[in-house]
Amino acid sequence: MATQAQIEQQESSNASASASAKPGLRKPVFTKVDQLKPGTGGHTLTVMVLNFNTVLQKDRRSVSQHLRPTRIAECLIGDETGTIIFTARNDQVDLMKAGTTVILRNAKIDMFKGSMRLAVDKWGRVEVTEPAEFAVKEDNNLSLVEYELVNVAEE
């Protein structure tokens, strides 16, 4: 027959084993702009907004009362390794002011006319943070690199 101390020790070891088996929140792994590749996602970056250009501003309320206006802006963002164009949508547009430092969480690479664009969809987040301590490397714009779709024949 087990003593009370042995039972308590067994219960505490079971509790710690089940707690360590549960998937918790992972610490974000920050990516640098020059590490971004086509077709990838789940990136967390700290970047500075260099410039901002409104591309689309549609007021769809004339069609229906329930539709929100659509706003899209292209922002040149970057860090100490390079720059890329970020496509900001709707509420994200308000956060992307020139000179602002933002953290992009769960960002993904979209391809647009053969070049990379960074975007954050509904599963990600854009948050303004403290001003960056880095100088942006503006001569390495990843959005200027043109990619070509190549079909690989299986043998």
N, C-alpha and C. Protein backbone atom coordinates (compact mmCIF):
# COMPACT_ATOMS: atom_id res chain seq x y z
N MET A 1 0.85 -1.17 0.00
CA MET A 1 0.00 0.00 0.00
C MET A 1 0.90 1.24 0.00
N ALA A 2 0.55 2.23 -0.85
CA ALA A 2 1.37 3.44 -0.98
C ALA A 2 1.08 4.40 0.15
N THR A 3 2.12 5.09 0.58
CA THR A 3 1.94 6.10 1.63
C THR A 3 1.39 7.38 1.01
N GLN A 4 0.92 8.26 1.87
CA GLN A 4 0.35 9.53 1.40
C GLN A 4 1.41 10.34 0.64
N ALA A 5 2.65 10.34 1.11
CA ALA A 5 3.72 11.09 0.46
C ALA A 5 3.98 10.56 -0.95
N GLN A 6 3.96 9.22 -1.10
CA GLN A 6 4.18 8.63 -2.42
C GLN A 6 3.06 8.99 -3.38
N ILE A 7 1.82 9.00 -2.89
CA ILE A 7 0.67 9.35 -3.74
C ILE A 7 0.78 10.80 -4.21
N GLU A 8 1.14 11.71 -3.28
CA GLU A 8 1.26 13.11 -3.63
C GLU A 8 2.39 13.33 -4.65
N GLN A 9 3.50 12.59 -4.46
CA GLN A 9 4.61 12.73 -5.40
C GLN A 9 4.21 12.23 -6.79
N GLN A 10 3.48 11.13 -6.85
CA GLN A 10 3.01 10.58 -8.12
C GLN A 10 2.07 11.56 -8.81
N GLU A 11 1.14 12.17 -8.05
CA GLU A 11 0.18 13.12 -8.63
C GLU A 11 0.90 14.36 -9.16
N SER A 12 1.90 14.85 -8.42
CA SER A 12 2.60 16.05 -8.87
C SER A 12 3.43 15.76 -10.12
N SER A 13 4.02 14.56 -10.22
CA SER A 13 4.79 14.24 -11.42
C SER A 13 3.86 14.06 -12.62
N ASN A 14 2.65 13.50 -12.41
CA ASN A 14 1.68 13.38 -13.49
C ASN A 14 1.21 14.76 -13.96
N ALA A 15 0.99 15.65 -13.02
CA ALA A 15 0.52 17.00 -13.36
C ALA A 15 1.58 17.74 -14.17
N SER A 16 2.84 17.63 -13.78
CA SER A 16 3.89 18.33 -14.52
C SER A 16 4.10 17.71 -15.89
N ALA A 17 3.93 16.40 -16.01
CA ALA A 17 4.08 15.74 -17.31
C ALA A 17 2.98 16.18 -18.26
N SER A 18 1.74 16.29 -17.76
CA SER A 18 0.65 16.70 -18.65
C SER A 18 0.77 18.19 -18.98
N ALA A 19 1.30 18.99 -18.09
CA ALA A 19 1.47 20.42 -18.37
C ALA A 19 2.53 20.64 -19.44
N SER A 20 3.59 19.84 -19.40
CA SER A 20 4.65 20.01 -20.39
C SER A 20 4.23 19.45 -21.75
N ALA A 21 3.26 18.53 -21.78
CA ALA A 21 2.81 17.95 -23.04
C ALA A 21 1.86 18.89 -23.78
N LYS A 22 1.22 19.83 -23.06
CA LYS A 22 0.28 20.75 -23.71
C LYS A 22 1.04 21.76 -24.55
N PRO A 23 0.57 21.97 -25.77
CA PRO A 23 1.22 23.01 -26.58
C PRO A 23 0.82 24.38 -26.07
N GLY A 24 1.80 25.18 -25.72
CA GLY A 24 1.54 26.53 -25.23
C GLY A 24 1.84 27.54 -26.30
N LEU A 25 1.90 28.78 -25.90
CA LEU A 25 2.26 29.83 -26.84
C LEU A 25 3.75 29.75 -27.11
N ARG A 26 4.10 29.79 -28.38
CA ARG A 26 5.52 29.76 -28.74
C ARG A 26 6.05 31.18 -28.76
N LYS A 27 7.32 31.31 -28.46
CA LYS A 27 7.95 32.62 -28.59
C LYS A 27 8.15 32.90 -30.07
N PRO A 28 7.84 34.13 -30.50
CA PRO A 28 7.99 34.42 -31.93
C PRO A 28 9.45 34.41 -32.35
N VAL A 29 9.69 33.88 -33.53
CA VAL A 29 11.02 33.90 -34.12
C VAL A 29 11.01 35.04 -35.13
N PHE A 30 11.79 36.07 -34.86
CA PHE A 30 11.79 37.23 -35.74
C PHE A 30 12.63 36.96 -36.98
N THR A 31 12.08 37.31 -38.13
CA THR A 31 12.72 37.12 -39.42
C THR A 31 13.23 38.46 -39.92
N LYS A 32 14.29 38.43 -40.70
CA LYS A 32 14.80 39.63 -41.35
C LYS A 32 14.25 39.67 -42.78
N VAL A 33 14.14 40.86 -43.34
CA VAL A 33 13.55 41.03 -44.67
C VAL A 33 14.30 40.21 -45.72
N ASP A 34 15.63 40.17 -45.65
CA ASP A 34 16.39 39.45 -46.69
C ASP A 34 16.22 37.93 -46.63
N GLN A 35 15.55 37.41 -45.59
CA GLN A 35 15.32 35.96 -45.49
C GLN A 35 13.97 35.55 -46.09
N LEU A 36 13.17 36.50 -46.54
CA LEU A 36 11.85 36.19 -47.07
C LEU A 36 11.97 35.53 -48.44
N LYS A 37 11.14 34.50 -48.66
CA LYS A 37 11.14 33.76 -49.91
C LYS A 37 9.70 33.64 -50.43
N PRO A 38 9.53 33.50 -51.76
CA PRO A 38 8.18 33.35 -52.32
C PRO A 38 7.45 32.14 -51.76
N GLY A 39 6.15 32.30 -51.54
CA GLY A 39 5.32 31.18 -51.11
C GLY A 39 5.45 30.82 -49.64
N THR A 40 6.07 31.66 -48.83
CA THR A 40 6.23 31.35 -47.42
C THR A 40 5.29 32.20 -46.57
N GLY A 41 5.09 31.79 -45.34
CA GLY A 41 4.20 32.52 -44.44
C GLY A 41 4.60 32.31 -42.99
N GLY A 42 3.85 32.91 -42.09
CA GLY A 42 4.10 32.77 -40.66
C GLY A 42 5.28 33.60 -40.17
N HIS A 43 5.61 34.65 -40.90
CA HIS A 43 6.76 35.47 -40.54
C HIS A 43 6.40 36.52 -39.49
N THR A 44 7.33 36.78 -38.58
CA THR A 44 7.21 37.88 -37.63
C THR A 44 8.39 38.80 -37.87
N LEU A 45 8.11 40.07 -38.18
CA LEU A 45 9.17 41.02 -38.51
C LEU A 45 8.96 42.33 -37.76
N THR A 46 10.07 42.97 -37.43
CA THR A 46 10.03 44.35 -36.94
C THR A 46 10.61 45.20 -38.05
N VAL A 47 9.79 46.11 -38.58
CA VAL A 47 10.18 46.91 -39.74
C VAL A 47 9.80 48.37 -39.55
N MET A 48 10.44 49.21 -40.36
CA MET A 48 10.12 50.63 -40.36
C MET A 48 9.42 50.96 -41.68
N VAL A 49 8.38 51.80 -41.59
CA VAL A 49 7.65 52.23 -42.79
C VAL A 49 8.42 53.38 -43.41
N LEU A 50 8.81 53.23 -44.69
CA LEU A 50 9.57 54.27 -45.38
C LEU A 50 8.65 55.22 -46.16
N ASN A 51 7.73 54.65 -46.94
CA ASN A 51 6.75 55.49 -47.61
C ASN A 51 5.45 54.75 -47.78
N PHE A 52 4.43 55.49 -48.22
CA PHE A 52 3.07 55.02 -48.15
C PHE A 52 2.35 55.53 -49.39
N ASN A 53 1.61 54.66 -50.10
CA ASN A 53 0.92 55.06 -51.31
C ASN A 53 -0.45 54.39 -51.35
N THR A 54 -1.52 55.18 -51.27
CA THR A 54 -2.87 54.61 -51.33
C THR A 54 -3.14 54.15 -52.76
N VAL A 55 -3.54 52.88 -52.91
CA VAL A 55 -3.76 52.30 -54.22
C VAL A 55 -5.25 52.27 -54.54
N LEU A 56 -6.07 51.91 -53.56
CA LEU A 56 -7.50 51.73 -53.80
C LEU A 56 -8.28 52.26 -52.62
N GLN A 57 -9.32 53.03 -52.91
CA GLN A 57 -10.20 53.50 -51.86
C GLN A 57 -11.61 53.46 -52.43
N LYS A 58 -12.34 52.38 -52.11
CA LYS A 58 -13.70 52.20 -52.62
C LYS A 58 -14.68 52.37 -51.48
N ASP A 59 -15.71 53.12 -51.74
CA ASP A 59 -16.78 53.24 -50.76
C ASP A 59 -17.95 52.41 -51.28
N ARG A 60 -18.08 51.19 -50.76
CA ARG A 60 -19.10 50.27 -51.26
C ARG A 60 -20.43 50.43 -50.54
N ARG A 61 -20.56 51.45 -49.69
CA ARG A 61 -21.81 51.63 -48.96
C ARG A 61 -22.97 51.98 -49.87
N SER A 62 -22.67 52.54 -51.06
CA SER A 62 -23.74 52.87 -52.00
C SER A 62 -24.44 51.60 -52.50
N VAL A 63 -23.71 50.48 -52.50
CA VAL A 63 -24.28 49.20 -52.93
C VAL A 63 -25.09 48.57 -51.80
N SER A 64 -24.50 48.54 -50.61
CA SER A 64 -25.16 47.91 -49.47
C SER A 64 -24.72 48.60 -48.18
N GLN A 65 -25.62 48.66 -47.23
CA GLN A 65 -25.29 49.28 -45.94
C GLN A 65 -24.32 48.44 -45.12
N HIS A 66 -24.26 47.12 -45.41
CA HIS A 66 -23.45 46.21 -44.59
C HIS A 66 -22.00 46.13 -45.02
N LEU A 67 -21.69 46.52 -46.24
CA LEU A 67 -20.32 46.42 -46.73
C LEU A 67 -19.49 47.60 -46.25
N ARG A 68 -18.31 47.31 -45.76
CA ARG A 68 -17.40 48.37 -45.31
C ARG A 68 -16.62 48.90 -46.50
N PRO A 69 -16.15 50.14 -46.41
CA PRO A 69 -15.32 50.65 -47.51
C PRO A 69 -14.01 49.87 -47.58
N THR A 70 -13.51 49.66 -48.79
CA THR A 70 -12.25 48.94 -48.99
C THR A 70 -11.13 49.94 -49.21
N ARG A 71 -10.05 49.78 -48.45
CA ARG A 71 -8.88 50.62 -48.63
C ARG A 71 -7.66 49.72 -48.75
N ILE A 72 -6.83 49.99 -49.75
CA ILE A 72 -5.59 49.25 -49.93
C ILE A 72 -4.48 50.25 -50.15
N ALA A 73 -3.36 50.05 -49.46
CA ALA A 73 -2.19 50.92 -49.64
C ALA A 73 -0.96 50.05 -49.77
N GLU A 74 -0.03 50.49 -50.62
CA GLU A 74 1.26 49.82 -50.73
C GLU A 74 2.27 50.65 -49.97
N CYS A 75 2.98 50.00 -49.04
CA CYS A 75 3.93 50.70 -48.20
C CYS A 75 5.30 50.06 -48.39
N LEU A 76 6.31 50.87 -48.58
CA LEU A 76 7.67 50.35 -48.63
C LEU A 76 8.16 50.25 -47.20
N ILE A 77 8.44 49.03 -46.76
CA ILE A 77 8.90 48.79 -45.38
C ILE A 77 10.27 48.14 -45.43
N GLY A 78 11.01 48.20 -44.33
CA GLY A 78 12.32 47.56 -44.35
C GLY A 78 12.98 47.51 -42.99
N ASP A 79 14.10 46.78 -42.96
CA ASP A 79 14.95 46.71 -41.77
C ASP A 79 16.40 46.87 -42.23
N GLU A 80 17.32 46.48 -41.39
CA GLU A 80 18.74 46.70 -41.72
C GLU A 80 19.26 45.78 -42.82
N THR A 81 18.42 44.81 -43.29
CA THR A 81 18.87 43.88 -44.33
C THR A 81 18.26 44.17 -45.70
N GLY A 82 17.17 44.93 -45.76
CA GLY A 82 16.54 45.21 -47.04
C GLY A 82 15.15 45.77 -46.90
N THR A 83 14.48 45.94 -48.06
CA THR A 83 13.12 46.48 -48.08
C THR A 83 12.21 45.58 -48.90
N ILE A 84 10.90 45.74 -48.70
CA ILE A 84 9.89 44.99 -49.46
C ILE A 84 8.61 45.82 -49.41
N ILE A 85 7.74 45.59 -50.38
CA ILE A 85 6.45 46.29 -50.38
C ILE A 85 5.46 45.50 -49.54
N PHE A 86 4.80 46.20 -48.63
CA PHE A 86 3.76 45.62 -47.77
C PHE A 86 2.41 46.12 -48.26
N THR A 87 1.47 45.20 -48.47
CA THR A 87 0.12 45.58 -48.89
C THR A 87 -0.75 45.68 -47.64
N ALA A 88 -1.09 46.92 -47.28
CA ALA A 88 -1.94 47.16 -46.10
C ALA A 88 -3.39 47.24 -46.55
N ARG A 89 -4.28 46.62 -45.77
CA ARG A 89 -5.70 46.60 -46.12
C ARG A 89 -6.54 47.17 -44.97
N ASN A 90 -7.53 47.96 -45.33
CA ASN A 90 -8.53 48.52 -44.42
C ASN A 90 -7.93 49.16 -43.17
N ASP A 91 -8.14 48.56 -41.98
CA ASP A 91 -7.67 49.17 -40.73
C ASP A 91 -6.15 49.24 -40.65
N GLN A 92 -5.45 48.35 -41.35
CA GLN A 92 -3.98 48.37 -41.35
C GLN A 92 -3.44 49.65 -41.97
N VAL A 93 -4.19 50.24 -42.90
CA VAL A 93 -3.75 51.45 -43.60
C VAL A 93 -3.48 52.58 -42.60
N ASP A 94 -4.33 52.70 -41.58
CA ASP A 94 -4.18 53.77 -40.58
C ASP A 94 -2.88 53.66 -39.78
N LEU A 95 -2.36 52.44 -39.61
CA LEU A 95 -1.15 52.22 -38.80
C LEU A 95 0.14 52.48 -39.57
N MET A 96 0.06 52.44 -40.89
CA MET A 96 1.27 52.48 -41.72
C MET A 96 1.63 53.91 -42.13
N LYS A 97 2.13 54.68 -41.21
CA LYS A 97 2.57 56.04 -41.49
C LYS A 97 4.09 56.06 -41.66
N ALA A 98 4.58 56.90 -42.56
CA ALA A 98 6.02 56.98 -42.82
C ALA A 98 6.77 57.31 -41.54
N GLY A 99 7.85 56.56 -41.28
CA GLY A 99 8.66 56.77 -40.08
C GLY A 99 8.23 55.94 -38.89
N THR A 100 7.09 55.26 -38.98
CA THR A 100 6.59 54.43 -37.89
C THR A 100 7.28 53.07 -37.91
N THR A 101 7.55 52.52 -36.73
CA THR A 101 8.08 51.16 -36.62
C THR A 101 6.93 50.24 -36.23
N VAL A 102 6.77 49.15 -36.97
CA VAL A 102 5.67 48.21 -36.71
C VAL A 102 6.21 46.78 -36.59
N ILE A 103 5.45 45.96 -35.86
CA ILE A 103 5.71 44.53 -35.80
C ILE A 103 4.61 43.85 -36.61
N LEU A 104 5.02 43.06 -37.59
CA LEU A 104 4.08 42.29 -38.40
C LEU A 104 4.11 40.86 -37.89
N ARG A 105 2.98 40.37 -37.44
CA ARG A 105 2.89 39.00 -36.92
C ARG A 105 2.12 38.12 -37.89
N ASN A 106 2.64 36.94 -38.15
CA ASN A 106 2.04 35.96 -39.06
C ASN A 106 1.86 36.55 -40.46
N ALA A 107 2.90 37.23 -40.93
CA ALA A 107 2.88 37.82 -42.27
C ALA A 107 3.19 36.73 -43.30
N LYS A 108 2.69 36.94 -44.52
CA LYS A 108 2.93 35.96 -45.59
C LYS A 108 3.36 36.68 -46.84
N ILE A 109 3.98 35.93 -47.73
CA ILE A 109 4.43 36.47 -49.01
C ILE A 109 3.37 36.16 -50.06
N ASP A 110 2.86 37.22 -50.70
CA ASP A 110 1.97 37.07 -51.84
C ASP A 110 2.78 37.44 -53.08
N MET A 111 2.46 36.80 -54.20
CA MET A 111 3.12 37.15 -55.45
C MET A 111 2.18 38.04 -56.25
N PHE A 112 2.70 39.14 -56.78
CA PHE A 112 1.91 40.08 -57.57
C PHE A 112 2.73 40.47 -58.78
N LYS A 113 2.25 40.07 -59.97
CA LYS A 113 2.95 40.33 -61.23
C LYS A 113 4.41 39.87 -61.18
N GLY A 114 4.64 38.70 -60.59
CA GLY A 114 5.98 38.11 -60.56
C GLY A 114 6.90 38.63 -59.48
N SER A 115 6.42 39.53 -58.62
CA SER A 115 7.30 40.03 -57.55
C SER A 115 6.65 39.80 -56.18
N MET A 116 7.48 39.79 -55.16
CA MET A 116 7.00 39.50 -53.80
C MET A 116 6.37 40.73 -53.16
N ARG A 117 5.28 40.49 -52.44
CA ARG A 117 4.64 41.49 -51.60
C ARG A 117 4.40 40.84 -50.25
N LEU A 118 4.56 41.60 -49.20
CA LEU A 118 4.28 41.09 -47.85
C LEU A 118 2.87 41.50 -47.49
N ALA A 119 2.12 40.62 -46.83
CA ALA A 119 0.75 40.93 -46.42
C ALA A 119 0.44 40.26 -45.09
N VAL A 120 -0.49 40.83 -44.36
CA VAL A 120 -0.98 40.24 -43.11
C VAL A 120 -2.48 40.10 -43.27
N ASP A 121 -2.97 38.84 -43.22
CA ASP A 121 -4.41 38.61 -43.37
C ASP A 121 -5.09 38.59 -42.01
N LYS A 122 -6.31 38.05 -41.95
CA LYS A 122 -7.06 38.09 -40.70
C LYS A 122 -6.44 37.23 -39.60
N TRP A 123 -5.53 36.35 -39.94
CA TRP A 123 -4.90 35.49 -38.93
C TRP A 123 -3.64 36.14 -38.35
N GLY A 124 -3.25 37.27 -38.88
CA GLY A 124 -2.05 37.95 -38.40
C GLY A 124 -2.40 39.25 -37.71
N ARG A 125 -1.36 40.03 -37.40
CA ARG A 125 -1.56 41.27 -36.67
C ARG A 125 -0.50 42.29 -37.05
N VAL A 126 -0.90 43.55 -37.11
CA VAL A 126 0.03 44.66 -37.32
C VAL A 126 -0.04 45.51 -36.07
N GLU A 127 1.09 45.73 -35.41
CA GLU A 127 1.08 46.56 -34.21
C GLU A 127 2.22 47.57 -34.25
N VAL A 128 1.90 48.80 -33.87
CA VAL A 128 2.90 49.86 -33.80
C VAL A 128 3.73 49.63 -32.55
N THR A 129 5.05 49.84 -32.65
CA THR A 129 5.95 49.60 -31.53
C THR A 129 6.90 50.78 -31.36
N GLU A 130 7.85 50.63 -30.45
CA GLU A 130 8.84 51.69 -30.20
C GLU A 130 9.66 51.96 -31.46
N PRO A 131 10.14 53.19 -31.64
CA PRO A 131 10.97 53.49 -32.82
C PRO A 131 12.18 52.57 -32.92
N ALA A 132 12.50 52.16 -34.14
CA ALA A 132 13.58 51.20 -34.38
C ALA A 132 14.94 51.82 -34.13
N GLU A 133 15.89 50.95 -33.80
CA GLU A 133 17.27 51.36 -33.53
C GLU A 133 18.16 51.09 -34.74
N PHE A 134 17.56 50.73 -35.88
CA PHE A 134 18.37 50.37 -37.05
C PHE A 134 18.17 51.35 -38.19
N ALA A 135 19.15 51.36 -39.09
CA ALA A 135 19.04 52.15 -40.33
C ALA A 135 18.60 51.19 -41.43
N VAL A 136 17.59 51.56 -42.17
CA VAL A 136 17.04 50.69 -43.22
C VAL A 136 17.98 50.64 -44.41
N LYS A 137 18.24 49.41 -44.89
CA LYS A 137 19.08 49.21 -46.08
C LYS A 137 18.17 49.34 -47.30
N GLU A 138 18.16 50.52 -47.92
CA GLU A 138 17.21 50.81 -48.99
C GLU A 138 17.65 50.30 -50.36
N ASP A 139 18.90 49.87 -50.51
CA ASP A 139 19.36 49.43 -51.83
C ASP A 139 19.14 47.94 -52.08
N ASN A 140 18.37 47.27 -51.22
CA ASN A 140 18.08 45.84 -51.39
C ASN A 140 16.56 45.65 -51.34
N ASN A 141 15.85 46.06 -52.40
CA ASN A 141 14.40 45.97 -52.43
C ASN A 141 13.99 44.62 -53.02
N LEU A 142 13.46 43.72 -52.18
CA LEU A 142 13.09 42.37 -52.63
C LEU A 142 11.90 42.40 -53.59
N SER A 143 11.10 43.45 -53.55
CA SER A 143 9.95 43.54 -54.45
C SER A 143 10.36 43.90 -55.88
N LEU A 144 11.60 44.30 -56.08
CA LEU A 144 12.09 44.58 -57.43
C LEU A 144 12.62 43.33 -58.12
N VAL A 145 12.81 42.25 -57.37
CA VAL A 145 13.27 40.99 -57.95
C VAL A 145 12.08 40.30 -58.60
N GLU A 146 12.22 39.97 -59.88
CA GLU A 146 11.11 39.33 -60.59
C GLU A 146 11.32 37.82 -60.59
N TYR A 147 10.28 37.10 -60.21
CA TYR A 147 10.33 35.65 -60.19
C TYR A 147 9.50 35.10 -61.34
N GLU A 148 9.92 33.94 -61.84
CA GLU A 148 9.22 33.32 -62.95
C GLU A 148 8.71 31.98 -62.49
N LEU A 149 7.45 31.68 -62.86
CA LEU A 149 6.86 30.39 -62.51
C LEU A 149 7.43 29.33 -63.44
N VAL A 150 8.07 28.33 -62.85
CA VAL A 150 8.69 27.27 -63.65
C VAL A 150 8.02 25.95 -63.29
N ASN A 151 7.53 25.24 -64.30
CA ASN A 151 6.94 23.93 -64.05
C ASN A 151 8.06 22.89 -64.13
N VAL A 152 8.15 22.08 -63.09
CA VAL A 152 9.17 21.04 -63.04
C VAL A 152 8.54 19.73 -63.50
N ALA A 153 9.09 19.15 -64.56
CA ALA A 153 8.56 17.89 -65.09
C ALA A 153 9.01 16.74 -64.20
N GLU A 154 8.06 15.89 -63.83
CA GLU A 154 8.41 14.71 -63.02
C GLU A 154 8.85 13.59 -63.93
N GLU A 155 9.91 12.89 -63.54
CA GLU A 155 10.42 11.81 -64.37
C GLU A 155 10.08 10.47 -63.79
